[in-house]
C-alpha atoms as a PDB file:
ATOM      1  CA  UNK A   1       0.000   0.000   0.000  1.00  0.00           C
ATOM      2  CA  UNK A   2       1.095   3.512  -0.754  1.00  0.00           C
ATOM      3  CA  UNK A   3       1.262   5.830   2.270  1.00  0.00           C
ATOM      4  CA  UNK A   4      -0.546   9.171   2.113  1.00  0.00           C
ATOM      5  CA  UNK A   5       1.232  11.894   4.063  1.00  0.00           C
ATOM      6  CA  UNK A   6      -1.083  14.896   3.715  1.00  0.00           C
ATOM      7  CA  UNK A   7      -4.599  15.910   2.826  1.00  0.00           C
ATOM      8  CA  UNK A   8      -3.265  17.757  -0.219  1.00  0.00           C
ATOM      9  CA  UNK A   9      -1.637  14.551  -1.417  1.00  0.00           C
ATOM     10  CA  UNK A  10      -4.959  12.754  -0.976  1.00  0.00           C
ATOM     11  CA  UNK A  11      -6.754  15.402  -3.042  1.00  0.00           C
ATOM     12  CA  UNK A  12      -4.324  14.887  -5.921  1.00  0.00           C
ATOM     13  CA  UNK A  13      -4.561  11.103  -5.728  1.00  0.00           C
ATOM     14  CA  UNK A  14      -8.360  11.107  -5.602  1.00  0.00           C
ATOM     15  CA  UNK A  15      -8.475  13.322  -8.713  1.00  0.00           C
ATOM     16  CA  UNK A  16      -5.900  11.296 -10.670  1.00  0.00           C
ATOM     17  CA  UNK A  17      -6.961   7.728  -9.865  1.00  0.00           C
ATOM     18  CA  UNK A  18     -10.230   6.558 -11.439  1.00  0.00           C
ATOM     19  CA  UNK A  19     -10.537   3.797  -8.827  1.00  0.00           C
ATOM     20  CA  UNK A  20      -8.804   3.106  -5.547  1.00  0.00           C
ATOM     21  CA  UNK A  21      -8.968   1.618  -2.082  1.00  0.00           C
ATOM     22  CA  UNK A  22      -8.122   3.723   0.966  1.00  0.00           C
ATOM     23  CA  UNK A  23      -7.222   1.999   4.247  1.00  0.00           C
ATOM     24  CA  UNK A  24      -7.519   4.352   7.239  1.00  0.00           C
ATOM     25  CA  UNK A  25      -5.778   3.529  10.500  1.00  0.00           C
ATOM     26  CA  UNK A  26      -4.695   5.303  13.641  1.00  0.00           C
ATOM     27  CA  UNK A  27      -2.061   4.868  16.335  1.00  0.00           C
ATOM     28  CA  UNK A  28      -2.454   2.187  19.024  1.00  0.00           C
ATOM     29  CA  UNK A  29      -5.280   0.437  17.156  1.00  0.00           C
ATOM     30  CA  UNK A  30      -5.052  -3.333  17.485  1.00  0.00           C
ATOM     31  CA  UNK A  31      -7.977  -3.872  15.102  1.00  0.00           C
ATOM     32  CA  UNK A  32      -6.154  -1.759  12.492  1.00  0.00           C
ATOM     33  CA  UNK A  33      -2.997  -3.791  12.913  1.00  0.00           C
ATOM     34  CA  UNK A  34      -4.907  -7.057  12.557  1.00  0.00           C
ATOM     35  CA  UNK A  35      -6.926  -5.995   9.516  1.00  0.00           C
ATOM     36  CA  UNK A  36      -4.148  -4.294   7.556  1.00  0.00           C
ATOM     37  CA  UNK A  37      -2.282  -7.462   6.457  1.00  0.00           C
ATOM     38  CA  UNK A  38      -5.549  -9.083   5.336  1.00  0.00           C
ATOM     39  CA  UNK A  39      -6.474  -6.111   3.148  1.00  0.00           C
ATOM     40  CA  UNK A  40      -2.909  -5.599   1.926  1.00  0.00           C
ATOM     41  CA  UNK A  41      -2.680  -9.162   0.577  1.00  0.00           C
ATOM     42  CA  UNK A  42      -5.687  -8.450  -1.669  1.00  0.00           C
ATOM     43  CA  UNK A  43      -3.829  -5.714  -3.568  1.00  0.00           C
ATOM     44  CA  UNK A  44      -2.254  -8.183  -5.993  1.00  0.00           C
ATOM     45  CA  UNK A  45      -5.700  -9.433  -7.044  1.00  0.00           C
ATOM     46  CA  UNK A  46      -7.182  -6.096  -8.139  1.00  0.00           C
ATOM     47  CA  UNK A  47      -6.297  -3.626 -10.903  1.00  0.00           C
ATOM     48  CA  UNK A  48      -6.668  -0.467  -8.811  1.00  0.00           C
ATOM     49  CA  UNK A  49      -4.161   0.996  -6.327  1.00  0.00           C
ATOM     50  CA  UNK A  50      -4.367   0.618  -2.561  1.00  0.00           C
ATOM     51  CA  UNK A  51      -3.502   3.574  -0.307  1.00  0.00           C
ATOM     52  CA  UNK A  52      -3.070   3.869   3.447  1.00  0.00           C
ATOM     53  CA  UNK A  53      -3.319   6.848   5.794  1.00  0.00           C
ATOM     54  CA  UNK A  54      -2.755   7.170   9.511  1.00  0.00           C
ATOM     55  CA  UNK A  55      -5.278   9.770  10.698  1.00  0.00           C
ATOM     56  CA  UNK A  56      -3.232  10.386  13.835  1.00  0.00           C
ATOM     57  CA  UNK A  57      -0.575  11.818  11.503  1.00  0.00           C
ATOM     58  CA  UNK A  58      -3.004  13.418   9.002  1.00  0.00           C
ATOM     59  CA  UNK A  59      -5.936  14.441  11.232  1.00  0.00           C
ATOM     60  CA  UNK A  60      -7.630  16.619   8.612  1.00  0.00           C
ATOM     61  CA  UNK A  61      -8.392  13.444   6.640  1.00  0.00           C
ATOM     62  CA  UNK A  62     -10.711  12.343   9.450  1.00  0.00           C
ATOM     63  CA  UNK A  63     -12.674  15.576   9.320  1.00  0.00           C
ATOM     64  CA  UNK A  64     -12.796  15.877   5.551  1.00  0.00           C
ATOM     65  CA  UNK A  65     -13.891  12.249   5.038  1.00  0.00           C
ATOM     66  CA  UNK A  66     -16.201  12.083   8.097  1.00  0.00           C
ATOM     67  CA  UNK A  67     -14.200   9.314   9.753  1.00  0.00           C
ATOM     68  CA  UNK A  68     -15.228   8.653  13.350  1.00  0.00           C
ATOM     69  CA  UNK A  69     -13.488   5.346  14.049  1.00  0.00           C
ATOM     70  CA  UNK A  70     -10.664   3.190  12.760  1.00  0.00           C
ATOM     71  CA  UNK A  71      -9.997   1.143  10.810  1.00  0.00           C
ATOM     72  CA  UNK A  72     -12.019   2.256   7.816  1.00  0.00           C
ATOM     73  CA  UNK A  73     -11.748   0.832   4.308  1.00  0.00           C
ATOM     74  CA  UNK A  74     -13.084   3.080   1.542  1.00  0.00           C
ATOM     75  CA  UNK A  75     -13.565   2.189  -2.110  1.00  0.00           C
ATOM     76  CA  UNK A  76     -13.693   4.989  -4.684  1.00  0.00           C
ATOM     77  CA  UNK A  77     -14.902   5.011  -8.267  1.00  0.00           C
ATOM     78  CA  UNK A  78     -14.481   8.148 -10.403  1.00  0.00           C
ATOM     79  CA  UNK A  79     -13.823  10.274  -7.308  1.00  0.00           C
ATOM     80  CA  UNK A  80     -16.958   9.134  -5.495  1.00  0.00           C
ATOM     81  CA  UNK A  81     -17.164   6.892  -2.471  1.00  0.00           C
ATOM     82  CA  UNK A  82     -18.564   3.553  -3.584  1.00  0.00           C
ATOM     83  CA  UNK A  83     -18.343   1.648  -0.293  1.00  0.00           C
ATOM     84  CA  UNK A  84     -17.299   2.218   3.318  1.00  0.00           C
ATOM     85  CA  UNK A  85     -16.430  -0.452   5.867  1.00  0.00           C
ATOM     86  CA  UNK A  86     -15.679   0.664   9.424  1.00  0.00           C
ATOM     87  CA  UNK A  87     -14.228  -0.920  12.555  1.00  0.00           C
ATOM     88  CA  UNK A  88     -14.940  -4.626  12.045  1.00  0.00           C
ATOM     89  CA  UNK A  89     -14.657  -5.264   8.328  1.00  0.00           C
ATOM     90  CA  UNK A  90     -16.330  -8.394   6.962  1.00  0.00           C
ATOM     91  CA  UNK A  91     -13.741  -9.585   4.456  1.00  0.00           C
ATOM     92  CA  UNK A  92     -16.284 -11.444   2.319  1.00  0.00           C
ATOM     93  CA  UNK A  93     -18.339  -8.273   1.837  1.00  0.00           C
ATOM     94  CA  UNK A  94     -15.229  -6.216   1.190  1.00  0.00           C
ATOM     95  CA  UNK A  95     -13.943  -8.583  -1.487  1.00  0.00           C
ATOM     96  CA  UNK A  96     -17.389  -8.679  -3.128  1.00  0.00           C
ATOM     97  CA  UNK A  97     -17.454  -4.868  -3.352  1.00  0.00           C
ATOM     98  CA  UNK A  98     -13.847  -4.813  -4.599  1.00  0.00           C
ATOM     99  CA  UNK A  99     -14.832  -7.238  -7.354  1.00  0.00           C
ATOM    100  CA  UNK A 100     -17.726  -4.940  -8.287  1.00  0.00           C
ATOM    101  CA  UNK A 101     -15.305  -2.023  -8.460  1.00  0.00           C
ATOM    102  CA  UNK A 102     -12.922  -3.994 -10.675  1.00  0.00           C
ATOM    103  CA  UNK A 103     -15.798  -4.913 -12.998  1.00  0.00           C
ATOM    104  CA  UNK A 104     -16.843  -1.253 -13.210  1.00  0.00           C
ATOM    105  CA  UNK A 105     -13.288  -0.404 -14.223  1.00  0.00           C
ATOM    106  CA  UNK A 106     -13.391  -2.986 -17.001  1.00  0.00           C
ATOM    107  CA  UNK A 107     -16.552  -1.379 -18.368  1.00  0.00           C
ATOM    108  CA  UNK A 108     -14.858   2.058 -18.341  1.00  0.00           C
ATOM    109  CA  UNK A 109     -11.953   0.770 -20.445  1.00  0.00           C
END
């Protein structure tokens, strides 16, 4: 996953990438630490990039994206939020939505 270091960087990425996954974590979050490797291993199976941000280091991301807990996994298509999974992420549902996103991308090509 590619680390996002500022809200400005996020704005550029979200404008440039037609589709993406954003993994949001924070410091001292055991759920974040447990979920991250599971989500990260999926990156090789999908054609869109995966990004990660630590909202303890980039707090304006939490406000701008209305994030009230961590972890959060967000899927974006054409700059719009397609799906949001927060705190306890059901991997089966996440992978189903990721597959939908990949199929949307194939239709855009």
